[in-house]
């Protein structure tokens, strides 16, 4: 099954791809208009033929925003949408990319995609 992992943020969203038992970073979408974000993700889901979307969810105020975003995304997509705990994935992404020797400029550019891949890998491992 081909799964899209989504790490939601207020100005950028990290995406990861999961096939089989492995997840890897895909890309980062930067946006200014939250209304267009679901459409951009829908296009990626259709073009890449994803069969499921997993959105990382956290606690607090941003968690409430993510829940609203997820509900909107569910209405737009023709594939199942689930949420999965993403607590500390951004911090883990920073640590792992530093340990891997990834240059700072690339780390900053792809950090959200790395976080999405960690969240998605945790999701795959839990199944």
N, C-alpha and C. Protein backbone atom coordinates (compact mmCIF):
# COMPACT_ATOMS: atom_id res chain seq x y z
N UNK A 1 0.85 -1.18 0.00
CA UNK A 1 0.00 0.00 0.00
C UNK A 1 0.89 1.24 0.00
N UNK A 2 0.57 2.21 -0.82
CA UNK A 2 1.32 3.45 -0.93
C UNK A 2 0.63 4.51 -0.06
N UNK A 3 1.37 5.02 0.95
CA UNK A 3 0.81 5.94 1.93
C UNK A 3 1.56 7.27 1.89
N UNK A 4 0.79 8.37 1.97
CA UNK A 4 1.37 9.70 2.07
C UNK A 4 1.33 10.15 3.53
N UNK A 5 2.49 10.50 4.07
CA UNK A 5 2.57 11.04 5.42
C UNK A 5 2.60 12.56 5.34
N UNK A 6 1.86 13.22 6.22
CA UNK A 6 1.76 14.68 6.21
C UNK A 6 2.12 15.23 7.58
N UNK A 7 3.11 16.13 7.60
CA UNK A 7 3.49 16.85 8.82
C UNK A 7 3.03 18.29 8.63
N UNK A 8 1.87 18.62 9.20
CA UNK A 8 1.24 19.92 9.00
C UNK A 8 1.94 21.02 9.80
N UNK A 9 2.10 22.16 9.16
CA UNK A 9 2.61 23.35 9.81
C UNK A 9 1.85 24.56 9.30
N UNK A 10 1.97 25.68 9.99
CA UNK A 10 1.19 26.86 9.63
C UNK A 10 1.64 27.54 8.34
N UNK A 11 2.86 27.30 7.91
CA UNK A 11 3.31 27.90 6.65
C UNK A 11 3.94 26.90 5.70
N UNK A 12 4.24 25.72 6.20
CA UNK A 12 4.79 24.67 5.34
C UNK A 12 4.38 23.30 5.86
N UNK A 13 4.32 22.37 4.91
CA UNK A 13 3.87 21.01 5.21
C UNK A 13 4.90 20.04 4.66
N UNK A 14 5.34 19.13 5.52
CA UNK A 14 6.27 18.09 5.09
C UNK A 14 5.50 16.88 4.62
N UNK A 15 5.99 16.29 3.54
CA UNK A 15 5.36 15.08 2.99
C UNK A 15 6.37 13.95 2.94
N UNK A 16 5.88 12.75 3.20
CA UNK A 16 6.71 11.55 3.13
C UNK A 16 5.92 10.47 2.43
N UNK A 17 6.66 9.54 1.85
CA UNK A 17 6.04 8.41 1.16
C UNK A 17 6.37 7.13 1.90
N UNK A 18 5.37 6.29 2.07
CA UNK A 18 5.58 5.00 2.70
C UNK A 18 5.08 3.90 1.78
N UNK A 19 5.96 2.97 1.51
CA UNK A 19 5.59 1.78 0.73
C UNK A 19 6.18 0.58 1.43
N UNK A 20 5.38 -0.45 1.62
CA UNK A 20 5.87 -1.61 2.36
C UNK A 20 6.11 -1.22 3.80
N UNK A 21 7.34 -1.48 4.28
CA UNK A 21 7.67 -1.21 5.68
C UNK A 21 8.53 0.02 5.87
N UNK A 22 8.81 0.77 4.81
CA UNK A 22 9.72 1.90 4.92
C UNK A 22 9.08 3.21 4.50
N UNK A 23 9.46 4.27 5.21
CA UNK A 23 9.02 5.62 4.88
C UNK A 23 10.24 6.45 4.53
N UNK A 24 10.06 7.38 3.60
CA UNK A 24 11.16 8.29 3.25
C UNK A 24 10.59 9.66 2.93
N UNK A 25 11.41 10.70 3.12
CA UNK A 25 10.94 12.07 2.84
C UNK A 25 10.58 12.22 1.37
N UNK A 26 9.55 13.00 1.09
CA UNK A 26 9.15 13.27 -0.29
C UNK A 26 9.47 14.72 -0.65
N UNK A 27 8.82 15.66 0.02
CA UNK A 27 9.05 17.06 -0.27
C UNK A 27 8.38 17.94 0.78
N UNK A 28 8.62 19.25 0.66
CA UNK A 28 8.00 20.23 1.54
C UNK A 28 7.18 21.18 0.66
N UNK A 29 5.95 21.42 1.08
CA UNK A 29 5.09 22.39 0.39
C UNK A 29 5.04 23.65 1.26
N UNK A 30 5.43 24.76 0.68
CA UNK A 30 5.27 26.05 1.34
C UNK A 30 4.00 26.69 0.81
N UNK A 31 3.23 27.31 1.69
CA UNK A 31 1.96 27.90 1.25
C UNK A 31 1.65 29.15 2.07
N UNK A 32 0.85 30.01 1.49
CA UNK A 32 0.39 31.20 2.21
C UNK A 32 -1.11 31.14 2.42
N UNK A 33 -1.80 30.49 1.48
CA UNK A 33 -3.26 30.39 1.55
C UNK A 33 -3.65 28.98 2.00
N UNK A 34 -4.09 28.84 3.26
CA UNK A 34 -4.48 27.52 3.75
C UNK A 34 -5.56 26.86 2.89
N UNK A 35 -6.39 27.67 2.23
CA UNK A 35 -7.45 27.13 1.39
C UNK A 35 -6.93 26.34 0.20
N UNK A 36 -5.74 26.68 -0.27
CA UNK A 36 -5.18 25.99 -1.43
C UNK A 36 -4.41 24.73 -1.06
N UNK A 37 -4.10 24.58 0.22
CA UNK A 37 -3.27 23.46 0.66
C UNK A 37 -3.90 22.10 0.36
N UNK A 38 -5.16 21.93 0.69
CA UNK A 38 -5.83 20.64 0.44
C UNK A 38 -5.82 20.32 -1.06
N UNK A 39 -6.02 21.32 -1.89
CA UNK A 39 -5.99 21.11 -3.33
C UNK A 39 -4.63 20.65 -3.81
N UNK A 40 -3.57 21.22 -3.24
CA UNK A 40 -2.21 20.80 -3.61
C UNK A 40 -1.96 19.35 -3.20
N UNK A 41 -2.41 19.00 -2.00
CA UNK A 41 -2.22 17.62 -1.53
C UNK A 41 -3.07 16.66 -2.36
N UNK A 42 -4.29 17.08 -2.70
CA UNK A 42 -5.15 16.24 -3.53
C UNK A 42 -4.48 15.93 -4.86
N UNK A 43 -3.87 16.92 -5.46
CA UNK A 43 -3.18 16.74 -6.74
C UNK A 43 -2.04 15.72 -6.60
N UNK A 44 -1.28 15.82 -5.52
CA UNK A 44 -0.17 14.89 -5.29
C UNK A 44 -0.71 13.47 -5.08
N UNK A 45 -1.77 13.35 -4.29
CA UNK A 45 -2.37 12.02 -4.03
C UNK A 45 -2.82 11.38 -5.33
N UNK A 46 -3.46 12.16 -6.19
CA UNK A 46 -3.96 11.62 -7.46
C UNK A 46 -2.83 11.29 -8.43
N UNK A 47 -1.85 12.19 -8.55
CA UNK A 47 -0.74 11.97 -9.49
C UNK A 47 0.13 10.78 -9.08
N UNK A 48 0.39 10.67 -7.78
CA UNK A 48 1.28 9.62 -7.28
C UNK A 48 0.53 8.33 -6.90
N UNK A 49 -0.80 8.37 -7.02
CA UNK A 49 -1.65 7.21 -6.74
C UNK A 49 -1.48 6.67 -5.31
N UNK A 50 -1.53 7.59 -4.34
CA UNK A 50 -1.50 7.18 -2.94
C UNK A 50 -2.83 6.53 -2.59
N UNK A 51 -2.77 5.52 -1.72
CA UNK A 51 -3.97 4.78 -1.33
C UNK A 51 -4.48 5.18 0.06
N UNK A 52 -3.68 5.94 0.79
CA UNK A 52 -4.05 6.38 2.13
C UNK A 52 -3.20 7.60 2.47
N UNK A 53 -3.74 8.45 3.35
CA UNK A 53 -3.00 9.61 3.86
C UNK A 53 -3.01 9.53 5.38
N UNK A 54 -1.84 9.72 5.98
CA UNK A 54 -1.71 9.74 7.44
C UNK A 54 -1.17 11.11 7.83
N UNK A 55 -1.96 11.83 8.63
CA UNK A 55 -1.61 13.17 9.07
C UNK A 55 -1.12 13.10 10.51
N UNK A 56 0.07 13.64 10.74
CA UNK A 56 0.60 13.69 12.10
C UNK A 56 -0.16 14.69 12.94
N UNK A 57 -0.52 14.28 14.15
CA UNK A 57 -1.29 15.18 15.02
C UNK A 57 -0.56 15.34 16.35
N UNK A 58 -0.61 16.57 16.86
CA UNK A 58 0.02 16.85 18.14
C UNK A 58 -1.02 17.43 19.09
N UNK A 59 -0.57 17.91 20.23
CA UNK A 59 -1.48 18.42 21.25
C UNK A 59 -1.60 19.93 21.19
N UNK A 60 -2.53 20.47 21.93
CA UNK A 60 -2.66 21.91 22.08
C UNK A 60 -3.35 22.59 20.92
N UNK A 61 -3.09 23.86 20.79
CA UNK A 61 -3.74 24.71 19.79
C UNK A 61 -3.46 24.21 18.37
N UNK A 62 -2.21 23.86 18.08
CA UNK A 62 -1.88 23.37 16.74
C UNK A 62 -2.59 22.04 16.47
N UNK A 63 -2.78 21.25 17.51
CA UNK A 63 -3.51 19.99 17.37
C UNK A 63 -4.94 20.21 16.91
N UNK A 64 -5.57 21.27 17.44
CA UNK A 64 -6.93 21.63 17.02
C UNK A 64 -6.94 22.06 15.55
N UNK A 65 -5.93 22.82 15.14
CA UNK A 65 -5.83 23.23 13.74
C UNK A 65 -5.65 22.01 12.83
N UNK A 66 -4.83 21.07 13.28
CA UNK A 66 -4.57 19.87 12.48
C UNK A 66 -5.85 19.05 12.33
N UNK A 67 -6.65 18.97 13.39
CA UNK A 67 -7.92 18.24 13.31
C UNK A 67 -8.84 18.86 12.27
N UNK A 68 -8.93 20.19 12.27
CA UNK A 68 -9.77 20.89 11.27
C UNK A 68 -9.23 20.64 9.86
N UNK A 69 -7.91 20.74 9.71
CA UNK A 69 -7.27 20.49 8.42
C UNK A 69 -7.56 19.06 7.95
N UNK A 70 -7.44 18.10 8.86
CA UNK A 70 -7.67 16.69 8.51
C UNK A 70 -9.10 16.47 8.05
N UNK A 71 -10.07 17.07 8.73
CA UNK A 71 -11.47 16.93 8.33
C UNK A 71 -11.72 17.51 6.95
N UNK A 72 -11.10 18.65 6.68
CA UNK A 72 -11.23 19.26 5.36
C UNK A 72 -10.58 18.37 4.30
N UNK A 73 -9.43 17.82 4.62
CA UNK A 73 -8.72 16.93 3.70
C UNK A 73 -9.54 15.68 3.40
N UNK A 74 -10.19 15.12 4.42
CA UNK A 74 -11.03 13.94 4.23
C UNK A 74 -12.14 14.19 3.21
N UNK A 75 -12.70 15.40 3.24
CA UNK A 75 -13.78 15.75 2.31
C UNK A 75 -13.27 15.88 0.87
N UNK A 76 -12.01 16.31 0.73
CA UNK A 76 -11.42 16.54 -0.60
C UNK A 76 -10.94 15.26 -1.28
N UNK A 77 -10.47 14.30 -0.48
CA UNK A 77 -9.81 13.13 -1.03
C UNK A 77 -10.74 11.93 -1.18
N UNK A 78 -10.38 11.06 -2.09
CA UNK A 78 -11.16 9.84 -2.30
C UNK A 78 -10.46 8.63 -1.68
N UNK A 79 -9.44 8.89 -0.84
CA UNK A 79 -8.73 7.82 -0.14
C UNK A 79 -8.91 8.02 1.36
N UNK A 80 -8.72 6.97 2.16
CA UNK A 80 -8.85 7.12 3.61
C UNK A 80 -7.80 8.08 4.18
N UNK A 81 -8.19 8.84 5.19
CA UNK A 81 -7.29 9.77 5.89
C UNK A 81 -7.33 9.42 7.37
N UNK A 82 -6.16 9.21 7.94
CA UNK A 82 -6.05 8.89 9.37
C UNK A 82 -5.13 9.91 10.03
N UNK A 83 -5.18 9.96 11.36
CA UNK A 83 -4.22 10.75 12.11
C UNK A 83 -3.35 9.81 12.93
N UNK A 84 -2.14 10.28 13.24
CA UNK A 84 -1.21 9.49 14.04
C UNK A 84 -0.34 10.45 14.84
N UNK A 85 -0.02 10.09 16.06
CA UNK A 85 0.76 10.95 16.95
C UNK A 85 2.11 11.32 16.34
N UNK A 86 2.39 12.62 16.33
CA UNK A 86 3.67 13.09 15.78
C UNK A 86 4.54 13.75 16.85
N UNK A 87 4.24 13.54 18.09
CA UNK A 87 4.97 14.18 19.17
C UNK A 87 6.47 13.96 19.02
N UNK A 88 7.21 15.07 19.05
CA UNK A 88 8.67 15.11 19.01
C UNK A 88 9.29 14.71 17.67
N UNK A 89 8.52 14.53 16.61
CA UNK A 89 9.13 14.13 15.34
C UNK A 89 10.00 15.22 14.75
N UNK A 90 9.64 16.48 14.94
CA UNK A 90 10.48 17.57 14.42
C UNK A 90 11.83 17.59 15.14
N UNK A 91 11.81 17.40 16.43
CA UNK A 91 13.06 17.35 17.21
C UNK A 91 13.90 16.15 16.77
N UNK A 92 13.26 14.99 16.61
CA UNK A 92 13.98 13.80 16.14
C UNK A 92 14.56 14.02 14.75
N UNK A 93 13.80 14.69 13.89
CA UNK A 93 14.29 14.97 12.53
C UNK A 93 15.54 15.82 12.57
N UNK A 94 15.55 16.83 13.43
CA UNK A 94 16.74 17.68 13.58
C UNK A 94 17.94 16.85 14.04
N UNK A 95 17.73 16.06 15.08
CA UNK A 95 18.81 15.25 15.64
C UNK A 95 19.36 14.26 14.62
N UNK A 96 18.48 13.53 13.96
CA UNK A 96 18.92 12.52 12.99
C UNK A 96 19.64 13.14 11.80
N UNK A 97 19.16 14.27 11.32
CA UNK A 97 19.80 14.88 10.15
C UNK A 97 21.16 15.47 10.51
N UNK A 98 21.32 15.96 11.73
CA UNK A 98 22.64 16.43 12.18
C UNK A 98 23.59 15.25 12.29
N UNK A 99 23.11 14.17 12.90
CA UNK A 99 23.94 12.97 13.06
C UNK A 99 24.33 12.37 11.71
N UNK A 100 23.45 12.53 10.72
CA UNK A 100 23.73 11.98 9.39
C UNK A 100 24.66 12.89 8.58
N UNK A 101 24.99 14.05 9.13
CA UNK A 101 25.91 14.95 8.45
C UNK A 101 25.28 15.75 7.32
N UNK A 102 23.98 15.91 7.35
CA UNK A 102 23.30 16.67 6.31
C UNK A 102 23.56 18.15 6.54
N UNK A 103 23.95 18.84 5.48
CA UNK A 103 24.28 20.27 5.59
C UNK A 103 23.09 21.07 6.10
N UNK A 104 23.41 22.12 6.83
CA UNK A 104 22.39 22.93 7.49
C UNK A 104 21.34 23.46 6.50
N UNK A 105 21.76 23.91 5.33
CA UNK A 105 20.81 24.47 4.36
C UNK A 105 19.80 23.43 3.90
N UNK A 106 20.26 22.21 3.66
CA UNK A 106 19.34 21.14 3.25
C UNK A 106 18.46 20.71 4.42
N UNK A 107 19.04 20.68 5.62
CA UNK A 107 18.25 20.33 6.81
C UNK A 107 17.09 21.29 6.97
N UNK A 108 17.35 22.58 6.86
CA UNK A 108 16.30 23.58 7.01
C UNK A 108 15.23 23.44 5.93
N UNK A 109 15.67 23.17 4.71
CA UNK A 109 14.76 23.06 3.57
C UNK A 109 13.86 21.83 3.66
N UNK A 110 14.41 20.73 4.18
CA UNK A 110 13.69 19.45 4.17
C UNK A 110 13.24 18.96 5.55
N UNK A 111 13.46 19.77 6.58
CA UNK A 111 13.17 19.34 7.94
C UNK A 111 11.75 18.79 8.13
N UNK A 112 10.77 19.46 7.55
CA UNK A 112 9.38 19.01 7.71
C UNK A 112 9.13 17.68 6.99
N UNK A 113 9.80 17.46 5.88
CA UNK A 113 9.67 16.17 5.18
C UNK A 113 10.31 15.06 5.99
N UNK A 114 11.45 15.37 6.64
CA UNK A 114 12.08 14.38 7.52
C UNK A 114 11.16 14.05 8.68
N UNK A 115 10.53 15.08 9.27
CA UNK A 115 9.59 14.84 10.38
C UNK A 115 8.41 14.00 9.92
N UNK A 116 7.91 14.27 8.71
CA UNK A 116 6.81 13.47 8.16
C UNK A 116 7.23 12.02 7.98
N UNK A 117 8.47 11.80 7.55
CA UNK A 117 8.92 10.42 7.34
C UNK A 117 9.09 9.69 8.67
N UNK A 118 9.53 10.39 9.71
CA UNK A 118 9.65 9.75 11.03
C UNK A 118 8.26 9.39 11.56
N UNK A 119 7.31 10.32 11.44
CA UNK A 119 5.95 10.03 11.88
C UNK A 119 5.38 8.85 11.11
N UNK A 120 5.57 8.85 9.79
CA UNK A 120 5.02 7.77 8.96
C UNK A 120 5.72 6.44 9.26
N UNK A 121 7.02 6.47 9.51
CA UNK A 121 7.72 5.25 9.87
C UNK A 121 7.19 4.69 11.19
N UNK A 122 6.94 5.57 12.15
CA UNK A 122 6.35 5.13 13.42
C UNK A 122 4.97 4.51 13.18
N UNK A 123 4.20 5.11 12.30
CA UNK A 123 2.88 4.57 11.95
C UNK A 123 3.03 3.17 11.34
N UNK A 124 3.92 3.03 10.39
CA UNK A 124 4.13 1.73 9.73
C UNK A 124 4.60 0.68 10.74
N UNK A 125 5.51 1.07 11.63
CA UNK A 125 6.03 0.15 12.63
C UNK A 125 4.95 -0.30 13.62
N UNK A 126 3.95 0.55 13.84
CA UNK A 126 2.90 0.23 14.82
C UNK A 126 1.84 -0.74 14.26
N UNK A 127 1.87 -0.95 12.95
CA UNK A 127 0.84 -1.79 12.33
C UNK A 127 1.19 -3.24 12.34
